[in-house]
Amino acid sequence: MTDTALLDETLYLACPVIAIGGSVVNKVTAILEKELLRDSMSTERMSIHHNMAGGDRRMAVWGPDAGGTADAVELLIASGLLDRFLDSR
């Protein structure tokens, strides 16, 4: 689903969501990175924002470029954070 579709129907933003891509190309990421905590695994090259400990079911995953975003997605998977997000209720 595109960021435009999510923003046009705000009900979707209350649902579990993972926004992938930097805030320049994904407006949902721009919103979530301001509202959610930056995970300690984040680096200058990749960023993961969430608040799973607070029960929030939204996440933003991105990097400064396509390679950084791909690295952030790989880290999300390899660290087990994606599995914990999917298993959370």
PDB file of N, CA and C in Angstrom:
ATOM      1  N   MET A   1       0.849  -1.164   0.000  1.00  0.00           N
ATOM      2  CA  MET A   1       0.000   0.000   0.000  1.00  0.00           C
ATOM      3  C   MET A   1       0.899   1.234   0.000  1.00  0.00           C
ATOM      4  N   THR A   2       0.515   2.229  -0.723  1.00  0.00           N
ATOM      5  CA  THR A   2       1.350   3.432  -0.797  1.00  0.00           C
ATOM      6  C   THR A   2       1.100   4.340   0.393  1.00  0.00           C
ATOM      7  N   ASP A   3       2.035   5.250   0.620  1.00  0.00           N
ATOM      8  CA  ASP A   3       1.843   6.202   1.709  1.00  0.00           C
ATOM      9  C   ASP A   3       0.639   7.097   1.437  1.00  0.00           C
ATOM     10  N   THR A   4       0.356   7.387   0.185  1.00  0.00           N
ATOM     11  CA  THR A   4      -0.801   8.215  -0.152  1.00  0.00           C
ATOM     12  C   THR A   4      -2.095   7.546   0.298  1.00  0.00           C
ATOM     13  N   ALA A   5      -2.224   6.261   0.056  1.00  0.00           N
ATOM     14  CA  ALA A   5      -3.428   5.533   0.465  1.00  0.00           C
ATOM     15  C   ALA A   5      -3.572   5.523   1.980  1.00  0.00           C
ATOM     16  N   LEU A   6      -2.469   5.335   2.688  1.00  0.00           N
ATOM     17  CA  LEU A   6      -2.521   5.337   4.151  1.00  0.00           C
ATOM     18  C   LEU A   6      -2.931   6.701   4.696  1.00  0.00           C
ATOM     19  N   LEU A   7      -2.400   7.749   4.108  1.00  0.00           N
ATOM     20  CA  LEU A   7      -2.703   9.084   4.602  1.00  0.00           C
ATOM     21  C   LEU A   7      -4.092   9.545   4.206  1.00  0.00           C
ATOM     22  N   ASP A   8      -4.602   9.049   3.084  1.00  0.00           N
ATOM     23  CA  ASP A   8      -5.958   9.408   2.667  1.00  0.00           C
ATOM     24  C   ASP A   8      -7.017   8.780   3.557  1.00  0.00           C
ATOM     25  N   GLU A   9      -6.717   7.635   4.136  1.00  0.00           N
ATOM     26  CA  GLU A   9      -7.667   6.939   5.012  1.00  0.00           C
ATOM     27  C   GLU A   9      -7.002   6.772   6.375  1.00  0.00           C
ATOM     28  N   THR A  10      -7.166   7.746   7.256  1.00  0.00           N
ATOM     29  CA  THR A  10      -6.441   7.773   8.526  1.00  0.00           C
ATOM     30  C   THR A  10      -6.735   6.573   9.421  1.00  0.00           C
ATOM     31  N   LEU A  11      -7.823   5.874   9.174  1.00  0.00           N
ATOM     32  CA  LEU A  11      -8.125   4.666   9.937  1.00  0.00           C
ATOM     33  C   LEU A  11      -6.968   3.671   9.836  1.00  0.00           C
ATOM     34  N   TYR A  12      -6.317   3.614   8.681  1.00  0.00           N
ATOM     35  CA  TYR A  12      -5.205   2.684   8.497  1.00  0.00           C
ATOM     36  C   TYR A  12      -4.042   2.977   9.438  1.00  0.00           C
ATOM     37  N   LEU A  13      -3.837   4.238   9.787  1.00  0.00           N
ATOM     38  CA  LEU A  13      -2.714   4.580  10.658  1.00  0.00           C
ATOM     39  C   LEU A  13      -2.918   4.077  12.087  1.00  0.00           C
ATOM     40  N   ALA A  14      -4.121   3.686  12.428  1.00  0.00           N
ATOM     41  CA  ALA A  14      -4.383   3.099  13.738  1.00  0.00           C
ATOM     42  C   ALA A  14      -4.131   1.588  13.729  1.00  0.00           C
ATOM     43  N   CYS A  15      -3.931   1.016  12.567  1.00  0.00           N
ATOM     44  CA  CYS A  15      -3.684  -0.419  12.416  1.00  0.00           C
ATOM     45  C   CYS A  15      -2.187  -0.698  12.485  1.00  0.00           C
ATOM     46  N   PRO A  16      -1.798  -1.953  12.733  1.00  0.00           N
ATOM     47  CA  PRO A  16      -0.375  -2.291  12.675  1.00  0.00           C
ATOM     48  C   PRO A  16       0.194  -1.927  11.300  1.00  0.00           C
ATOM     49  N   VAL A  17       1.328  -1.262  11.307  1.00  0.00           N
ATOM     50  CA  VAL A  17       1.928  -0.832  10.042  1.00  0.00           C
ATOM     51  C   VAL A  17       3.443  -0.771  10.181  1.00  0.00           C
ATOM     52  N   ILE A  18       4.125  -1.145   9.108  1.00  0.00           N
ATOM     53  CA  ILE A  18       5.567  -0.959   9.010  1.00  0.00           C
ATOM     54  C   ILE A  18       5.796  -0.097   7.770  1.00  0.00           C
ATOM     55  N   ALA A  19       6.283   1.107   7.975  1.00  0.00           N
ATOM     56  CA  ALA A  19       6.599   2.011   6.871  1.00  0.00           C
ATOM     57  C   ALA A  19       8.060   1.801   6.500  1.00  0.00           C
ATOM     58  N   ILE A  20       8.315   1.537   5.228  1.00  0.00           N
ATOM     59  CA  ILE A  20       9.679   1.283   4.759  1.00  0.00           C
ATOM     60  C   ILE A  20      10.054   2.352   3.749  1.00  0.00           C
ATOM     61  N   GLY A  21      11.207   2.956   3.960  1.00  0.00           N
ATOM     62  CA  GLY A  21      11.694   4.002   3.072  1.00  0.00           C
ATOM     63  C   GLY A  21      11.833   5.307   3.828  1.00  0.00           C
ATOM     64  N   GLY A  22      12.777   6.115   3.407  1.00  0.00           N
ATOM     65  CA  GLY A  22      13.057   7.373   4.086  1.00  0.00           C
ATOM     66  C   GLY A  22      11.917   8.364   4.013  1.00  0.00           C
ATOM     67  N   SER A  23      11.957   9.337   4.898  1.00  0.00           N
ATOM     68  CA  SER A  23      10.879  10.312   5.005  1.00  0.00           C
ATOM     69  C   SER A  23      10.734  11.182   3.758  1.00  0.00           C
ATOM     70  N   VAL A  24      11.752  11.257   2.943  1.00  0.00           N
ATOM     71  CA  VAL A  24      11.666  12.018   1.695  1.00  0.00           C
ATOM     72  C   VAL A  24      10.749  11.321   0.698  1.00  0.00           C
ATOM     73  N   VAL A  25      10.738   9.997   0.705  1.00  0.00           N
ATOM     74  CA  VAL A  25       9.927   9.230  -0.246  1.00  0.00           C
ATOM     75  C   VAL A  25       8.697   8.583   0.384  1.00  0.00           C
ATOM     76  N   ASN A  26       8.597   8.605   1.708  1.00  0.00           N
ATOM     77  CA  ASN A  26       7.481   7.962   2.384  1.00  0.00           C
ATOM     78  C   ASN A  26       6.986   8.890   3.500  1.00  0.00           C
ATOM     79  N   LYS A  27       5.864   9.509   3.290  1.00  0.00           N
ATOM     80  CA  LYS A  27       5.333  10.466   4.265  1.00  0.00           C
ATOM     81  C   LYS A  27       4.894   9.787   5.567  1.00  0.00           C
ATOM     82  N   VAL A  28       4.533   8.513   5.510  1.00  0.00           N
ATOM     83  CA  VAL A  28       4.186   7.788   6.735  1.00  0.00           C
ATOM     84  C   VAL A  28       5.434   7.653   7.608  1.00  0.00           C
ATOM     85  N   THR A  29       6.575   7.364   6.997  1.00  0.00           N
ATOM     86  CA  THR A  29       7.836   7.317   7.744  1.00  0.00           C
ATOM     87  C   THR A  29       8.097   8.654   8.413  1.00  0.00           C
ATOM     88  N   ALA A  30       7.864   9.751   7.703  1.00  0.00           N
ATOM     89  CA  ALA A  30       8.087  11.087   8.267  1.00  0.00           C
ATOM     90  C   ALA A  30       7.262  11.289   9.528  1.00  0.00           C
ATOM     91  N   ILE A  31       6.037  10.797   9.540  1.00  0.00           N
ATOM     92  CA  ILE A  31       5.170  10.918  10.715  1.00  0.00           C
ATOM     93  C   ILE A  31       5.676  10.012  11.837  1.00  0.00           C
ATOM     94  N   LEU A  32       5.940   8.751  11.507  1.00  0.00           N
ATOM     95  CA  LEU A  32       6.302   7.768  12.525  1.00  0.00           C
ATOM     96  C   LEU A  32       7.654   8.050  13.152  1.00  0.00           C
ATOM     97  N   GLU A  33       8.617   8.544  12.388  1.00  0.00           N
ATOM     98  CA  GLU A  33       9.930   8.777  12.985  1.00  0.00           C
ATOM     99  C   GLU A  33       9.875   9.889  14.028  1.00  0.00           C
ATOM    100  N   LYS A  34       8.884  10.758  13.937  1.00  0.00           N
ATOM    101  CA  LYS A  34       8.707  11.808  14.946  1.00  0.00           C
ATOM    102  C   LYS A  34       7.952  11.296  16.168  1.00  0.00           C
ATOM    103  N   GLU A  35       7.072  10.313  15.980  1.00  0.00           N
ATOM    104  CA  GLU A  35       6.217   9.823  17.063  1.00  0.00           C
ATOM    105  C   GLU A  35       6.799   8.635  17.813  1.00  0.00           C
ATOM    106  N   LEU A  36       7.714   7.902  17.187  1.00  0.00           N
ATOM    107  CA  LEU A  36       8.221   6.659  17.772  1.00  0.00           C
ATOM    108  C   LEU A  36       9.669   6.799  18.215  1.00  0.00           C
ATOM    109  N   LEU A  37      10.089   5.921  19.110  1.00  0.00           N
ATOM    110  CA  LEU A  37      11.453   5.909  19.617  1.00  0.00           C
ATOM    111  C   LEU A  37      12.408   5.288  18.603  1.00  0.00           C
ATOM    112  N   ARG A  38      13.613   5.784  18.570  1.00  0.00           N
ATOM    113  CA  ARG A  38      14.651   5.220  17.694  1.00  0.00           C
ATOM    114  C   ARG A  38      15.279   4.026  18.414  1.00  0.00           C
ATOM    115  N   ASP A  39      15.253   2.865  17.779  1.00  0.00           N
ATOM    116  CA  ASP A  39      15.815   1.656  18.368  1.00  0.00           C
ATOM    117  C   ASP A  39      17.328   1.811  18.510  1.00  0.00           C
ATOM    118  N   SER A  40      17.870   1.239  19.574  1.00  0.00           N
ATOM    119  CA  SER A  40      19.307   1.346  19.843  1.00  0.00           C
ATOM    120  C   SER A  40      20.161   0.659  18.784  1.00  0.00           C
ATOM    121  N   MET A  41      19.573  -0.234  17.981  1.00  0.00           N
ATOM    122  CA  MET A  41      20.318  -0.886  16.905  1.00  0.00           C
ATOM    123  C   MET A  41      20.558   0.064  15.731  1.00  0.00           C
ATOM    124  N   SER A  42      19.835   1.156  15.692  1.00  0.00           N
ATOM    125  CA  SER A  42      19.954   2.100  14.589  1.00  0.00           C
ATOM    126  C   SER A  42      21.363   2.676  14.530  1.00  0.00           C
ATOM    127  N   THR A  43      21.779   2.992  13.327  1.00  0.00           N
ATOM    128  CA  THR A  43      23.086   3.599  13.105  1.00  0.00           C
ATOM    129  C   THR A  43      22.891   4.813  12.191  1.00  0.00           C
ATOM    130  N   GLU A  44      23.982   5.432  11.807  1.00  0.00           N
ATOM    131  CA  GLU A  44      23.906   6.547  10.868  1.00  0.00           C
ATOM    132  C   GLU A  44      23.403   6.071   9.505  1.00  0.00           C
ATOM    133  N   ARG A  45      23.638   4.809   9.192  1.00  0.00           N
ATOM    134  CA  ARG A  45      23.300   4.239   7.888  1.00  0.00           C
ATOM    135  C   ARG A  45      21.904   3.604   7.835  1.00  0.00           C
ATOM    136  N   MET A  46      21.327   3.276   8.978  1.00  0.00           N
ATOM    137  CA  MET A  46      20.007   2.644   8.981  1.00  0.00           C
ATOM    138  C   MET A  46      19.275   3.029  10.258  1.00  0.00           C
ATOM    139  N   SER A  47      17.963   3.142  10.135  1.00  0.00           N
ATOM    140  CA  SER A  47      17.172   3.611  11.257  1.00  0.00           C
ATOM    141  C   SER A  47      15.899   2.773  11.402  1.00  0.00           C
ATOM    142  N   ILE A  48      15.618   2.392  12.637  1.00  0.00           N
ATOM    143  CA  ILE A  48      14.406   1.649  12.961  1.00  0.00           C
ATOM    144  C   ILE A  48      13.742   2.376  14.131  1.00  0.00           C
ATOM    145  N   HIS A  49      12.502   2.779  13.930  1.00  0.00           N
ATOM    146  CA  HIS A  49      11.745   3.484  14.964  1.00  0.00           C
ATOM    147  C   HIS A  49      10.534   2.644  15.342  1.00  0.00           C
ATOM    148  N   HIS A  50      10.302   2.476  16.658  1.00  0.00           N
ATOM    149  CA  HIS A  50       9.135   1.745  17.139  1.00  0.00           C
ATOM    150  C   HIS A  50       8.948   2.047  18.614  1.00  0.00           C
ATOM    151  N   ASN A  51       7.843   1.598  19.161  1.00  0.00           N
ATOM    152  CA  ASN A  51       7.611   1.652  20.601  1.00  0.00           C
ATOM    153  C   ASN A  51       6.824   0.404  20.991  1.00  0.00           C
ATOM    154  N   MET A  52       7.388  -0.745  20.663  1.00  0.00           N
ATOM    155  CA  MET A  52       6.711  -2.009  20.969  1.00  0.00           C
ATOM    156  C   MET A  52       6.549  -2.204  22.468  1.00  0.00           C
ATOM    157  N   ALA A  53       7.499  -1.737  23.255  1.00  0.00           N
ATOM    158  CA  ALA A  53       7.390  -1.876  24.713  1.00  0.00           C
ATOM    159  C   ALA A  53       6.173  -1.125  25.238  1.00  0.00           C
ATOM    160  N   GLY A  54       5.776  -0.072  24.548  1.00  0.00           N
ATOM    161  CA  GLY A  54       4.607   0.698  24.931  1.00  0.00           C
ATOM    162  C   GLY A  54       3.328   0.204  24.285  1.00  0.00           C
ATOM    163  N   GLY A  55       3.430  -0.911  23.552  1.00  0.00           N
ATOM    164  CA  GLY A  55       2.253  -1.497  22.917  1.00  0.00           C
ATOM    165  C   GLY A  55       1.908  -0.921  21.553  1.00  0.00           C
ATOM    166  N   ASP A  56       2.752  -0.045  21.045  1.00  0.00           N
ATOM    167  CA  ASP A  56       2.495   0.554  19.732  1.00  0.00           C
ATOM    168  C   ASP A  56       2.794  -0.466  18.641  1.00  0.00           C
ATOM    169  N   ARG A  57       1.894  -0.611  17.684  1.00  0.00           N
ATOM    170  CA  ARG A  57       2.044  -1.584  16.593  1.00  0.00           C
ATOM    171  C   ARG A  57       2.393  -0.888  15.286  1.00  0.00           C
ATOM    172  N   ARG A  58       3.215   0.162  15.383  1.00  0.00           N
ATOM    173  CA  ARG A  58       3.675   0.872  14.187  1.00  0.00           C
ATOM    174  C   ARG A  58       5.193   0.916  14.214  1.00  0.00           C
ATOM    175  N   MET A  59       5.788   0.935  13.036  1.00  0.00           N
ATOM    176  CA  MET A  59       7.237   0.918  12.932  1.00  0.00           C
ATOM    177  C   MET A  59       7.649   1.632  11.655  1.00  0.00           C
ATOM    178  N   ALA A  60       8.799   2.300  11.698  1.00  0.00           N
ATOM    179  CA  ALA A  60       9.391   2.912  10.507  1.00  0.00           C
ATOM    180  C   ALA A  60      10.799   2.346  10.337  1.00  0.00           C
ATOM    181  N   VAL A  61      11.127   1.940   9.121  1.00  0.00           N
ATOM    182  CA  VAL A  61      12.412   1.304   8.812  1.00  0.00           C
ATOM    183  C   VAL A  61      12.966   1.989   7.576  1.00  0.00           C
ATOM    184  N   TRP A  62      14.167   2.570   7.693  1.00  0.00           N
ATOM    185  CA  TRP A  62      14.683   3.313   6.550  1.00  0.00           C
ATOM    186  C   TRP A  62      16.177   3.580   6.674  1.00  0.00           C
ATOM    187  N   GLY A  63      16.737   4.059   5.584  1.00  0.00           N
ATOM    188  CA  GLY A  63      18.120   4.510   5.539  1.00  0.00           C
ATOM    189  C   GLY A  63      18.188   5.757   4.673  1.00  0.00           C
ATOM    190  N   PRO A  64      19.357   6.370   4.595  1.00  0.00           N
ATOM    191  CA  PRO A  64      19.485   7.602   3.817  1.00  0.00           C
ATOM    192  C   PRO A  64      19.413   7.385   2.306  1.00  0.00           C
ATOM    193  N   ASP A  65      19.523   6.116   1.902  1.00  0.00           N
ATOM    194  CA  ASP A  65      19.444   5.766   0.482  1.00  0.00           C
ATOM    195  C   ASP A  65      18.901   4.336   0.376  1.00  0.00           C
ATOM    196  N   ALA A  66      18.752   3.844  -0.841  1.00  0.00           N
ATOM    197  CA  ALA A  66      18.184   2.505  -1.038  1.00  0.00           C
ATOM    198  C   ALA A  66      19.011   1.421  -0.336  1.00  0.00           C
ATOM    199  N   GLY A  67      20.322   1.537  -0.387  1.00  0.00           N
ATOM    200  CA  GLY A  67      21.180   0.550   0.276  1.00  0.00           C
ATOM    201  C   GLY A  67      21.021   0.575   1.781  1.00  0.00           C
ATOM    202  N   GLY A  68      20.928   1.756   2.356  1.00  0.00           N
ATOM    203  CA  GLY A  68      20.722   1.890   3.796  1.00  0.00           C
ATOM    204  C   GLY A  68      19.376   1.335   4.226  1.00  0.00           C
ATOM    205  N   THR A  69      18.353   1.579   3.401  1.00  0.00           N
ATOM    206  CA  THR A  69      17.030   1.036   3.702  1.00  0.00           C
ATOM    207  C   THR A  69      17.058  -0.484   3.645  1.00  0.00           C
ATOM    208  N   ALA A  70      17.719  -1.045   2.632  1.00  0.00           N
ATOM    209  CA  ALA A  70      17.843  -2.502   2.532  1.00  0.00           C
ATOM    210  C   ALA A  70      18.583  -3.061   3.747  1.00  0.00           C
ATOM    211  N   ASP A  71      19.639  -2.376   4.188  1.00  0.00           N
ATOM    212  CA  ASP A  71      20.378  -2.815   5.376  1.00  0.00           C
ATOM    213  C   ASP A  71      19.494  -2.771   6.622  1.00  0.00           C
ATOM    214  N   ALA A  72      18.658  -1.736   6.729  1.00  0.00           N
ATOM    215  CA  ALA A  72      17.756  -1.616   7.882  1.00  0.00           C
ATOM    216  C   ALA A  72      16.737  -2.752   7.894  1.00  0.00           C
ATOM    217  N   VAL A  73      16.231  -3.113   6.725  1.00  0.00           N
ATOM    218  CA  VAL A  73      15.275  -4.222   6.637  1.00  0.00           C
ATOM    219  C   VAL A  73      15.971  -5.529   7.016  1.00  0.00           C
ATOM    220  N   GLU A  74      17.185  -5.728   6.526  1.00  0.00           N
ATOM    221  CA  GLU A  74      17.943  -6.937   6.877  1.00  0.00           C
ATOM    222  C   GLU A  74      18.176  -7.010   8.380  1.00  0.00           C
ATOM    223  N   LEU A  75      18.526  -5.888   9.002  1.00  0.00           N
ATOM    224  CA  LEU A  75      18.738  -5.855  10.449  1.00  0.00           C
ATOM    225  C   LEU A  75      17.443  -6.160  11.193  1.00  0.00           C
ATOM    226  N   LEU A  76      16.353  -5.604  10.724  1.00  0.00           N
ATOM    227  CA  LEU A  76      15.049  -5.853  11.324  1.00  0.00           C
ATOM    228  C   LEU A  76      14.749  -7.350  11.359  1.00  0.00           C
ATOM    229  N   ILE A  77      15.047  -8.029  10.272  1.00  0.00           N
ATOM    230  CA  ILE A  77      14.793  -9.465  10.173  1.00  0.00           C
ATOM    231  C   ILE A  77      15.808 -10.257  10.999  1.00  0.00           C
ATOM    232  N   ALA A  78      17.098  -9.987  10.786  1.00  0.00           N
ATOM    233  CA  ALA A  78      18.164 -10.762  11.436  1.00  0.00           C
ATOM    234  C   ALA A  78      18.147 -10.625  12.958  1.00  0.00           C
ATOM    235  N   SER A  79      17.745  -9.486  13.462  1.00  0.00           N
ATOM    236  CA  SER A  79      17.751  -9.251  14.908  1.00  0.00           C
ATOM    237  C   SER A  79      16.581  -9.931  15.621  1.00  0.00           C
ATOM    238  N   GLY A  80      15.592 -10.380  14.848  1.00  0.00           N
ATOM    239  CA  GLY A  80      14.405 -10.975  15.453  1.00  0.00           C
ATOM    240  C   GLY A  80      13.333  -9.950  15.794  1.00  0.00           C
ATOM    241  N   LEU A  81      13.623  -8.672  15.568  1.00  0.00           N
ATOM    242  CA  LEU A  81      12.667  -7.617  15.887  1.00  0.00           C
ATOM    243  C   LEU A  81      11.393  -7.731  15.050  1.00  0.00           C
ATOM    244  N   LEU A  82      11.531  -8.108  13.795  1.00  0.00           N
ATOM    245  CA  LEU A  82      10.348  -8.285  12.948  1.00  0.00           C
ATOM    246  C   LEU A  82       9.466  -9.399  13.508  1.00  0.00           C
ATOM    247  N   ASP A  83      10.058 -10.519  13.895  1.00  0.00           N
ATOM    248  CA  ASP A  83       9.276 -11.617  14.467  1.00  0.00           C
ATOM    249  C   ASP A  83       8.555 -11.180  15.740  1.00  0.00           C
ATOM    250  N   ARG A  84       9.239 -10.430  16.591  1.00  0.00           N
ATOM    251  CA  ARG A  84       8.600  -9.943  17.830  1.00  0.00           C
ATOM    252  C   ARG A  84       7.454  -8.994  17.505  1.00  0.00           C
ATOM    253  N   PHE A  85       7.642  -8.145  16.490  1.00  0.00           N
ATOM    254  CA  PHE A  85       6.576  -7.230  16.068  1.00  0.00           C
ATOM    255  C   PHE A  85       5.370  -8.007  15.564  1.00  0.00           C
ATOM    256  N   LEU A  86       5.621  -9.018  14.730  1.00  0.00           N
ATOM    257  CA  LEU A  86       4.525  -9.808  14.169  1.00  0.00           C
ATOM    258  C   LEU A  86       3.824 -10.652  15.223  1.00  0.00           C
ATOM    259  N   ASP A  87       4.547 -11.065  16.257  1.00  0.00           N
ATOM    260  CA  ASP A  87       3.959 -11.878  17.317  1.00  0.00           C
ATOM    261  C   ASP A  87       3.245 -11.049  18.379  1.00  0.00           C
ATOM    262  N   SER A  88       3.494  -9.752  18.404  1.00  0.00           N
ATOM    263  CA  SER A  88       2.877  -8.905  19.441  1.00  0.00           C
ATOM    264  C   SER A  88       1.410  -8.706  19.175  1.00  0.00           C
ATOM    265  N   ARG A  89       0.673  -8.469  20.227  1.00  0.00           N
ATOM    266  CA  ARG A  89      -0.774  -8.263  20.087  1.00  0.00           C
ATOM    267  C   ARG A  89      -1.176  -6.992  20.749  1.00  0.00           C
TER     268      ARG A  89
END
